Each structure stands twice: as structure tokens, then as C-alpha cells.
Amino acid sequence: MSTYTHESMINHHEPGLLAQLAETLHVWRQRYRSRRELASWSERELHDIGISWSDVAYEAEKPFWRA
């Protein structure tokens, strides 16, 4: 009879290709959404966080795959 311990049941392998791809797609979607939301902020909101419209334009024009 074998006994399973908590340590023996943990997967010690690195994330697989599918997990890495899923994470990349998640990051890309998050960047896209964040940039679109930032582009919709008012002048007052941008002033409150200390960025200009030119900063927003620069960020919003970047493709989602660029950090």
C-alpha cells in the first residue's frame, strides 16, 4: 500500500506551452483594455494622475503586444 503525501502530489514541472500562451493572451487583452480605457478619460482625470493627452496618445497608439 502506498501513501501519498502532500509534497508528492504537487506538480513540480514548469508551466507548459499552453499555460504560457494563455498567460500571454491574458496580458495582451489586459493591455488592450487598459489603453482603451485610458484613452476615454477626461482632461480632469488625466490631470489628477499627472499625465497629458500626448502621453495618452503615445500609449494608446502602441499595439497590444508592446509593453
C-alpha atoms as a PDB file:
ATOM      1  CA  MET A   1       0.000   0.000   0.000  1.00  0.00           C
ATOM      2  CA  SER A   2       1.401   3.383  -0.917  1.00  0.00           C
ATOM      3  CA  THR A   3       0.852   6.562   1.000  1.00  0.00           C
ATOM      4  CA  TYR A   4       0.552   9.883  -0.787  1.00  0.00           C
ATOM      5  CA  THR A   5       1.921  12.915   0.954  1.00  0.00           C
ATOM      6  CA  HIS A   6       1.038  16.492   0.114  1.00  0.00           C
ATOM      7  CA  GLU A   7       4.554  17.087  -1.215  1.00  0.00           C
ATOM      8  CA  SER A   8       4.425  14.078  -3.520  1.00  0.00           C
ATOM      9  CA  MET A   9       1.178  15.282  -5.107  1.00  0.00           C
ATOM     10  CA  ILE A  10       2.480  18.724  -6.119  1.00  0.00           C
ATOM     11  CA  ASN A  11       3.326  19.221  -9.780  1.00  0.00           C
ATOM     12  CA  HIS A  12       6.952  20.353  -9.866  1.00  0.00           C
ATOM     13  CA  HIS A  13       7.076  20.949 -13.628  1.00  0.00           C
ATOM     14  CA  GLU A  14       7.405  24.304 -15.307  1.00  0.00           C
ATOM     15  CA  PRO A  15       4.252  25.723 -16.918  1.00  0.00           C
ATOM     16  CA  GLY A  16       3.602  24.131 -20.276  1.00  0.00           C
ATOM     17  CA  LEU A  17       3.373  25.825 -23.620  1.00  0.00           C
ATOM     18  CA  LEU A  18      -0.410  26.070 -23.402  1.00  0.00           C
ATOM     19  CA  ALA A  19      -0.242  27.773 -19.990  1.00  0.00           C
ATOM     20  CA  GLN A  20       2.366  30.237 -21.277  1.00  0.00           C
ATOM     21  CA  LEU A  21       0.227  31.004 -24.318  1.00  0.00           C
ATOM     22  CA  ALA A  22      -2.832  31.563 -22.141  1.00  0.00           C
ATOM     23  CA  GLU A  23      -0.882  33.945 -19.910  1.00  0.00           C
ATOM     24  CA  THR A  24       0.429  35.886 -22.918  1.00  0.00           C
ATOM     25  CA  LEU A  25      -3.081  36.246 -24.340  1.00  0.00           C
ATOM     26  CA  HIS A  26      -4.345  37.418 -20.948  1.00  0.00           C
ATOM     27  CA  VAL A  27      -1.634  40.093 -20.726  1.00  0.00           C
ATOM     28  CA  TRP A  28      -2.308  41.280 -24.281  1.00  0.00           C
ATOM     29  CA  ARG A  29      -6.061  41.574 -23.613  1.00  0.00           C
ATOM     30  CA  GLN A  30      -5.418  43.444 -20.374  1.00  0.00           C
ATOM     31  CA  ARG A  31      -3.104  45.911 -22.149  1.00  0.00           C
ATOM     32  CA  TYR A  32      -5.667  46.494 -24.897  1.00  0.00           C
ATOM     33  CA  ARG A  33      -8.454  47.179 -22.400  1.00  0.00           C
ATOM     34  CA  SER A  34      -6.302  49.418 -20.202  1.00  0.00           C
ATOM     35  CA  ARG A  35      -5.152  51.530 -23.144  1.00  0.00           C
ATOM     36  CA  ARG A  36      -8.704  51.922 -24.483  1.00  0.00           C
ATOM     37  CA  GLU A  37      -9.945  52.935 -21.042  1.00  0.00           C
ATOM     38  CA  LEU A  38      -7.138  55.455 -20.592  1.00  0.00           C
ATOM     39  CA  ALA A  39      -7.969  56.979 -23.983  1.00  0.00           C
ATOM     40  CA  SER A  40     -11.529  57.599 -22.786  1.00  0.00           C
ATOM     41  CA  TRP A  41     -10.562  59.570 -19.656  1.00  0.00           C
ATOM     42  CA  SER A  42     -11.386  63.251 -19.374  1.00  0.00           C
ATOM     43  CA  GLU A  43      -8.855  66.075 -19.198  1.00  0.00           C
ATOM     44  CA  ARG A  44      -9.634  66.432 -15.481  1.00  0.00           C
ATOM     45  CA  GLU A  45      -8.993  62.744 -14.766  1.00  0.00           C
ATOM     46  CA  LEU A  46      -5.712  62.840 -16.648  1.00  0.00           C
ATOM     47  CA  HIS A  47      -4.663  65.973 -14.781  1.00  0.00           C
ATOM     48  CA  ASP A  48      -5.442  64.241 -11.478  1.00  0.00           C
ATOM     49  CA  ILE A  49      -2.971  61.454 -12.227  1.00  0.00           C
ATOM     50  CA  GLY A  50      -0.428  63.784 -13.791  1.00  0.00           C
ATOM     51  CA  ILE A  51      -0.351  62.723 -17.419  1.00  0.00           C
ATOM     52  CA  SER A  52      -1.019  64.666 -20.595  1.00  0.00           C
ATOM     53  CA  TRP A  53      -3.017  63.908 -23.721  1.00  0.00           C
ATOM     54  CA  SER A  54       0.244  63.375 -25.597  1.00  0.00           C
ATOM     55  CA  ASP A  55       1.193  60.679 -23.069  1.00  0.00           C
ATOM     56  CA  VAL A  56      -2.197  59.053 -23.599  1.00  0.00           C
ATOM     57  CA  ALA A  57      -1.883  59.241 -27.383  1.00  0.00           C
ATOM     58  CA  TYR A  58       1.569  57.659 -27.257  1.00  0.00           C
ATOM     59  CA  GLU A  59       0.340  54.826 -25.037  1.00  0.00           C
ATOM     60  CA  ALA A  60      -2.957  54.269 -26.868  1.00  0.00           C
ATOM     61  CA  GLU A  61      -1.256  54.006 -30.264  1.00  0.00           C
ATOM     62  CA  LYS A  62       1.020  51.171 -29.169  1.00  0.00           C
ATOM     63  CA  PRO A  63      -0.011  47.720 -30.375  1.00  0.00           C
ATOM     64  CA  PHE A  64      -1.250  45.402 -27.619  1.00  0.00           C
ATOM     65  CA  TRP A  65       1.811  43.176 -27.871  1.00  0.00           C
ATOM     66  CA  ARG A  66       4.200  46.017 -26.918  1.00  0.00           C
ATOM     67  CA  ALA A  67       4.699  46.676 -23.224  1.00  0.00           C
END
